[in-house]
Amino acid sequence: QVQLVESGGGLVQPGGSLRLSCAASGSIFSINSLGWFRQAPGKQRELVAAITIHNNIDYRDSVKGRFTISRDNAKNTVYLQMNSLKPEDTAVYYCNAYTAFGTDYWGQGTQVTVSS
């Protein structure tokens, strides 16, 4: 079992920045990748960014150059730095852990709202 606890969401004006954090605990050894997904009202959940244990990183096209994913292995924490935020970035953001056993674990979600 892997537990994920997110923090850092909130309300920000367009062009602003937020940093999301996700602390993992439990069977850390089994995690192959950590990532962030988001889900806007009426839309499917989509991958935003992911980082593997080998530090391979993937971003969805719409956030490249604006968002940065990173991890602190000592703290078992993954971060998502979001800059130049746009209204279309508004969504509930979920932390995800994918394990060597093919299992997905999810955090509780944190709301990000970009609005003036």
N, C-alpha and C. Protein backbone atom coordinates (compact mmCIF):
# COMPACT_ATOMS: atom_id res chain seq x y z
N GLN A 1 0.84 -1.19 0.00
CA GLN A 1 0.00 0.00 0.00
C GLN A 1 0.87 1.24 0.00
N VAL A 2 0.41 2.22 -0.74
CA VAL A 2 1.09 3.52 -0.80
C VAL A 2 0.05 4.58 -0.43
N GLN A 3 0.43 5.48 0.45
CA GLN A 3 -0.43 6.60 0.82
C GLN A 3 0.17 7.88 0.25
N LEU A 4 -0.70 8.73 -0.26
CA LEU A 4 -0.27 9.99 -0.87
C LEU A 4 -1.06 11.14 -0.26
N VAL A 5 -0.35 12.15 0.19
CA VAL A 5 -1.00 13.33 0.79
C VAL A 5 -0.54 14.57 0.04
N GLU A 6 -1.50 15.26 -0.54
CA GLU A 6 -1.21 16.44 -1.36
C GLU A 6 -1.43 17.72 -0.57
N SER A 7 -0.76 18.77 -1.02
CA SER A 7 -0.99 20.10 -0.48
C SER A 7 -0.57 21.13 -1.51
N GLY A 8 -1.04 22.37 -1.32
CA GLY A 8 -0.55 23.46 -2.13
C GLY A 8 -1.52 24.05 -3.14
N GLY A 9 -2.71 23.54 -3.24
CA GLY A 9 -3.67 24.12 -4.18
C GLY A 9 -4.20 25.46 -3.68
N GLY A 10 -5.05 26.08 -4.50
CA GLY A 10 -5.64 27.35 -4.09
C GLY A 10 -6.13 28.16 -5.26
N LEU A 11 -6.42 29.42 -4.97
CA LEU A 11 -6.90 30.36 -5.98
C LEU A 11 -5.76 31.30 -6.37
N VAL A 12 -5.56 31.46 -7.67
CA VAL A 12 -4.48 32.32 -8.16
C VAL A 12 -4.97 33.05 -9.40
N GLN A 13 -4.45 34.25 -9.61
CA GLN A 13 -4.81 35.01 -10.80
C GLN A 13 -4.07 34.47 -12.03
N PRO A 14 -4.61 34.70 -13.20
CA PRO A 14 -3.89 34.29 -14.42
C PRO A 14 -2.49 34.90 -14.45
N GLY A 15 -1.53 34.07 -14.84
CA GLY A 15 -0.13 34.49 -14.85
C GLY A 15 0.60 34.20 -13.55
N GLY A 16 -0.14 33.79 -12.54
CA GLY A 16 0.45 33.51 -11.24
C GLY A 16 1.07 32.13 -11.15
N SER A 17 1.56 31.80 -9.95
CA SER A 17 2.26 30.53 -9.74
C SER A 17 1.71 29.83 -8.50
N LEU A 18 1.82 28.53 -8.52
CA LEU A 18 1.51 27.69 -7.37
C LEU A 18 2.48 26.52 -7.38
N ARG A 19 2.74 25.97 -6.18
CA ARG A 19 3.52 24.75 -6.09
C ARG A 19 2.72 23.71 -5.32
N LEU A 20 2.54 22.57 -5.96
CA LEU A 20 1.86 21.45 -5.32
C LEU A 20 2.91 20.49 -4.77
N SER A 21 2.58 19.89 -3.63
CA SER A 21 3.45 18.89 -3.01
C SER A 21 2.66 17.61 -2.77
N CYS A 22 3.36 16.49 -2.85
CA CYS A 22 2.73 15.20 -2.59
C CYS A 22 3.72 14.33 -1.85
N ALA A 23 3.38 14.00 -0.61
CA ALA A 23 4.24 13.17 0.23
C ALA A 23 3.75 11.73 0.18
N ALA A 24 4.66 10.83 -0.14
CA ALA A 24 4.32 9.41 -0.22
C ALA A 24 4.82 8.68 1.01
N SER A 25 4.05 7.67 1.42
CA SER A 25 4.45 6.83 2.54
C SER A 25 3.94 5.41 2.28
N GLY A 26 4.40 4.49 3.11
CA GLY A 26 3.99 3.10 2.93
C GLY A 26 5.04 2.35 2.14
N SER A 27 4.61 1.60 1.15
CA SER A 27 5.51 0.75 0.35
C SER A 27 6.23 1.56 -0.72
N ILE A 28 7.07 2.48 -0.26
CA ILE A 28 7.78 3.39 -1.17
C ILE A 28 8.64 2.62 -2.16
N PHE A 29 9.21 1.52 -1.71
CA PHE A 29 10.14 0.75 -2.54
C PHE A 29 9.49 0.26 -3.83
N SER A 30 8.17 0.14 -3.83
CA SER A 30 7.47 -0.43 -4.98
C SER A 30 7.11 0.60 -6.05
N ILE A 31 7.36 1.87 -5.76
CA ILE A 31 6.94 2.93 -6.69
C ILE A 31 7.87 3.01 -7.89
N ASN A 32 7.29 2.95 -9.09
CA ASN A 32 8.06 3.12 -10.33
C ASN A 32 8.03 4.56 -10.81
N SER A 33 6.89 5.22 -10.61
CA SER A 33 6.80 6.60 -11.06
C SER A 33 5.81 7.35 -10.17
N LEU A 34 6.03 8.65 -10.09
CA LEU A 34 5.12 9.56 -9.41
C LEU A 34 4.68 10.61 -10.41
N GLY A 35 3.43 11.01 -10.31
CA GLY A 35 2.95 11.96 -11.29
C GLY A 35 1.79 12.79 -10.79
N TRP A 36 1.40 13.73 -11.61
CA TRP A 36 0.26 14.59 -11.34
C TRP A 36 -0.73 14.47 -12.50
N PHE A 37 -1.98 14.26 -12.14
CA PHE A 37 -3.08 14.27 -13.09
C PHE A 37 -4.02 15.40 -12.68
N ARG A 38 -4.89 15.76 -13.58
CA ARG A 38 -5.90 16.75 -13.24
C ARG A 38 -7.22 16.41 -13.90
N GLN A 39 -8.28 16.89 -13.28
CA GLN A 39 -9.62 16.65 -13.82
C GLN A 39 -10.46 17.90 -13.65
N ALA A 40 -10.88 18.45 -14.77
CA ALA A 40 -11.77 19.61 -14.77
C ALA A 40 -13.21 19.13 -14.82
N PRO A 41 -14.16 19.94 -14.38
CA PRO A 41 -15.56 19.53 -14.40
C PRO A 41 -16.01 19.11 -15.79
N GLY A 42 -16.61 17.94 -15.88
CA GLY A 42 -17.13 17.45 -17.15
C GLY A 42 -16.09 16.88 -18.09
N LYS A 43 -14.85 16.78 -17.61
CA LYS A 43 -13.78 16.26 -18.46
C LYS A 43 -13.14 15.04 -17.83
N GLN A 44 -12.41 14.29 -18.65
CA GLN A 44 -11.71 13.12 -18.14
C GLN A 44 -10.43 13.53 -17.42
N ARG A 45 -10.00 12.67 -16.52
CA ARG A 45 -8.74 12.90 -15.85
C ARG A 45 -7.61 12.75 -16.86
N GLU A 46 -6.65 13.69 -16.79
CA GLU A 46 -5.55 13.67 -17.76
C GLU A 46 -4.20 13.81 -17.07
N LEU A 47 -3.20 13.21 -17.68
CA LEU A 47 -1.84 13.31 -17.15
C LEU A 47 -1.32 14.72 -17.37
N VAL A 48 -0.72 15.27 -16.32
CA VAL A 48 -0.07 16.58 -16.42
C VAL A 48 1.44 16.41 -16.53
N ALA A 49 2.01 15.64 -15.62
CA ALA A 49 3.45 15.40 -15.62
C ALA A 49 3.74 14.17 -14.79
N ALA A 50 4.84 13.49 -15.13
CA ALA A 50 5.24 12.30 -14.38
C ALA A 50 6.75 12.20 -14.39
N ILE A 51 7.28 11.58 -13.32
CA ILE A 51 8.71 11.38 -13.20
C ILE A 51 8.95 9.96 -12.70
N THR A 52 9.86 9.24 -13.37
CA THR A 52 10.12 7.85 -12.99
C THR A 52 11.26 7.77 -11.98
N ILE A 53 11.51 6.55 -11.50
CA ILE A 53 12.60 6.36 -10.55
C ILE A 53 13.95 6.61 -11.21
N HIS A 54 13.98 6.57 -12.55
CA HIS A 54 15.21 6.87 -13.28
C HIS A 54 15.25 8.33 -13.72
N ASN A 55 14.32 9.14 -13.18
CA ASN A 55 14.23 10.58 -13.49
C ASN A 55 13.90 10.87 -14.94
N ASN A 56 13.22 9.95 -15.59
CA ASN A 56 12.63 10.26 -16.89
C ASN A 56 11.36 11.05 -16.64
N ILE A 57 11.19 12.14 -17.39
CA ILE A 57 10.09 13.06 -17.14
C ILE A 57 9.24 13.21 -18.39
N ASP A 58 7.95 13.31 -18.17
CA ASP A 58 7.02 13.49 -19.27
C ASP A 58 6.02 14.59 -18.89
N TYR A 59 5.72 15.45 -19.82
CA TYR A 59 4.72 16.52 -19.62
C TYR A 59 3.69 16.46 -20.74
N ARG A 60 2.45 16.86 -20.41
CA ARG A 60 1.51 17.06 -21.50
C ARG A 60 1.90 18.34 -22.23
N ASP A 61 1.59 18.40 -23.50
CA ASP A 61 2.07 19.51 -24.33
C ASP A 61 1.64 20.87 -23.80
N SER A 62 0.44 20.97 -23.29
CA SER A 62 -0.11 22.28 -22.92
C SER A 62 0.57 22.90 -21.69
N VAL A 63 1.38 22.12 -20.96
CA VAL A 63 2.04 22.67 -19.78
C VAL A 63 3.55 22.76 -19.95
N LYS A 64 4.07 22.27 -21.06
CA LYS A 64 5.52 22.33 -21.28
C LYS A 64 6.00 23.78 -21.28
N GLY A 65 7.10 24.00 -20.56
CA GLY A 65 7.65 25.34 -20.45
C GLY A 65 7.04 26.16 -19.33
N ARG A 66 5.95 25.67 -18.76
CA ARG A 66 5.29 26.40 -17.65
C ARG A 66 5.33 25.62 -16.35
N PHE A 67 5.21 24.30 -16.41
CA PHE A 67 5.18 23.45 -15.23
C PHE A 67 6.48 22.67 -15.13
N THR A 68 6.90 22.42 -13.90
CA THR A 68 8.10 21.62 -13.65
C THR A 68 7.82 20.60 -12.56
N ILE A 69 8.06 19.34 -12.86
CA ILE A 69 7.92 18.29 -11.86
C ILE A 69 9.30 17.95 -11.31
N SER A 70 9.36 17.69 -10.01
CA SER A 70 10.62 17.31 -9.38
C SER A 70 10.32 16.41 -8.20
N ARG A 71 11.37 15.74 -7.70
CA ARG A 71 11.17 14.87 -6.57
C ARG A 71 12.32 15.01 -5.59
N ASP A 72 12.01 14.83 -4.32
CA ASP A 72 12.99 14.82 -3.26
C ASP A 72 12.93 13.42 -2.65
N ASN A 73 13.89 12.59 -3.01
CA ASN A 73 13.84 11.20 -2.56
C ASN A 73 14.00 11.08 -1.05
N ALA A 74 14.76 11.98 -0.45
CA ALA A 74 14.96 11.93 1.00
C ALA A 74 13.64 12.16 1.75
N LYS A 75 12.76 12.96 1.14
CA LYS A 75 11.48 13.27 1.77
C LYS A 75 10.34 12.47 1.17
N ASN A 76 10.64 11.62 0.18
CA ASN A 76 9.60 10.85 -0.52
C ASN A 76 8.48 11.76 -1.00
N THR A 77 8.88 12.87 -1.57
CA THR A 77 7.92 13.90 -1.97
C THR A 77 8.14 14.28 -3.43
N VAL A 78 7.04 14.49 -4.12
CA VAL A 78 7.09 14.98 -5.50
C VAL A 78 6.41 16.34 -5.54
N TYR A 79 6.95 17.23 -6.34
CA TYR A 79 6.45 18.59 -6.44
C TYR A 79 6.02 18.89 -7.87
N LEU A 80 5.09 19.83 -7.98
CA LEU A 80 4.72 20.36 -9.29
C LEU A 80 4.72 21.88 -9.18
N GLN A 81 5.73 22.50 -9.76
CA GLN A 81 5.80 23.95 -9.80
C GLN A 81 5.05 24.42 -11.04
N MET A 82 4.04 25.24 -10.82
CA MET A 82 3.20 25.70 -11.93
C MET A 82 3.34 27.21 -12.07
N ASN A 83 3.87 27.64 -13.18
CA ASN A 83 4.04 29.06 -13.48
C ASN A 83 3.17 29.47 -14.65
N SER A 84 2.99 30.76 -14.81
CA SER A 84 2.21 31.30 -15.93
C SER A 84 0.86 30.59 -16.05
N LEU A 85 0.19 30.47 -14.93
CA LEU A 85 -1.07 29.72 -14.91
C LEU A 85 -2.14 30.40 -15.76
N LYS A 86 -2.97 29.56 -16.36
CA LYS A 86 -4.05 30.02 -17.24
C LYS A 86 -5.38 29.53 -16.69
N PRO A 87 -6.47 30.19 -17.02
CA PRO A 87 -7.78 29.71 -16.56
C PRO A 87 -8.05 28.25 -16.94
N GLU A 88 -7.53 27.82 -18.07
CA GLU A 88 -7.75 26.43 -18.50
C GLU A 88 -6.96 25.41 -17.67
N ASP A 89 -6.11 25.88 -16.78
CA ASP A 89 -5.41 24.99 -15.85
C ASP A 89 -6.28 24.67 -14.63
N THR A 90 -7.41 25.33 -14.51
CA THR A 90 -8.30 25.10 -13.38
C THR A 90 -8.81 23.67 -13.37
N ALA A 91 -8.61 22.99 -12.26
CA ALA A 91 -9.00 21.58 -12.13
C ALA A 91 -8.68 21.10 -10.73
N VAL A 92 -9.13 19.90 -10.43
CA VAL A 92 -8.65 19.20 -9.24
C VAL A 92 -7.41 18.43 -9.66
N TYR A 93 -6.33 18.63 -8.94
CA TYR A 93 -5.07 17.98 -9.26
C TYR A 93 -4.86 16.81 -8.31
N TYR A 94 -4.52 15.65 -8.89
CA TYR A 94 -4.34 14.43 -8.13
C TYR A 94 -2.90 13.94 -8.26
N CYS A 95 -2.33 13.56 -7.15
CA CYS A 95 -1.04 12.89 -7.15
C CYS A 95 -1.25 11.41 -7.44
N ASN A 96 -0.33 10.84 -8.19
CA ASN A 96 -0.44 9.43 -8.58
C ASN A 96 0.89 8.72 -8.34
N ALA A 97 0.80 7.50 -7.83
CA ALA A 97 1.96 6.62 -7.74
C ALA A 97 1.65 5.36 -8.50
N TYR A 98 2.55 4.96 -9.37
CA TYR A 98 2.40 3.73 -10.13
C TYR A 98 3.49 2.77 -9.68
N THR A 99 3.09 1.57 -9.28
CA THR A 99 4.05 0.66 -8.68
C THR A 99 4.54 -0.42 -9.64
N ALA A 100 5.56 -1.12 -9.19
CA ALA A 100 6.12 -2.23 -9.97
C ALA A 100 5.13 -3.38 -10.11
N PHE A 101 4.10 -3.39 -9.30
CA PHE A 101 3.07 -4.43 -9.35
C PHE A 101 1.92 -4.05 -10.28
N GLY A 102 2.05 -2.89 -10.94
CA GLY A 102 1.00 -2.46 -11.86
C GLY A 102 -0.19 -1.81 -11.17
N THR A 103 0.01 -1.31 -9.98
CA THR A 103 -1.08 -0.72 -9.21
C THR A 103 -0.95 0.80 -9.19
N ASP A 104 -2.06 1.47 -9.35
CA ASP A 104 -2.13 2.92 -9.23
C ASP A 104 -2.67 3.30 -7.85
N TYR A 105 -2.02 4.29 -7.25
CA TYR A 105 -2.52 4.88 -6.01
C TYR A 105 -2.74 6.36 -6.26
N TRP A 106 -3.75 6.90 -5.57
CA TRP A 106 -4.14 8.30 -5.80
C TRP A 106 -4.23 9.07 -4.49
N GLY A 107 -3.87 10.34 -4.56
CA GLY A 107 -4.11 11.22 -3.44
C GLY A 107 -5.55 11.68 -3.44
N GLN A 108 -5.87 12.51 -2.45
CA GLN A 108 -7.26 12.93 -2.28
C GLN A 108 -7.67 14.04 -3.24
N GLY A 109 -6.69 14.67 -3.86
CA GLY A 109 -6.96 15.75 -4.80
C GLY A 109 -6.88 17.11 -4.13
N THR A 110 -6.40 18.09 -4.88
CA THR A 110 -6.34 19.47 -4.39
C THR A 110 -6.82 20.40 -5.50
N GLN A 111 -7.67 21.34 -5.13
CA GLN A 111 -8.28 22.22 -6.12
C GLN A 111 -7.32 23.34 -6.50
N VAL A 112 -7.17 23.54 -7.80
CA VAL A 112 -6.43 24.69 -8.33
C VAL A 112 -7.40 25.50 -9.17
N THR A 113 -7.58 26.76 -8.81
CA THR A 113 -8.48 27.65 -9.53
C THR A 113 -7.70 28.87 -10.02
N VAL A 114 -7.74 29.09 -11.32
CA VAL A 114 -7.06 30.23 -11.92
C VAL A 114 -8.13 31.19 -12.43
N SER A 115 -8.24 32.31 -11.76
CA SER A 115 -9.31 33.25 -12.09
C SER A 115 -8.95 34.64 -11.60
N SER A 116 -9.42 35.63 -12.34
CA SER A 116 -9.23 37.02 -11.91
C SER A 116 -10.44 37.50 -11.12
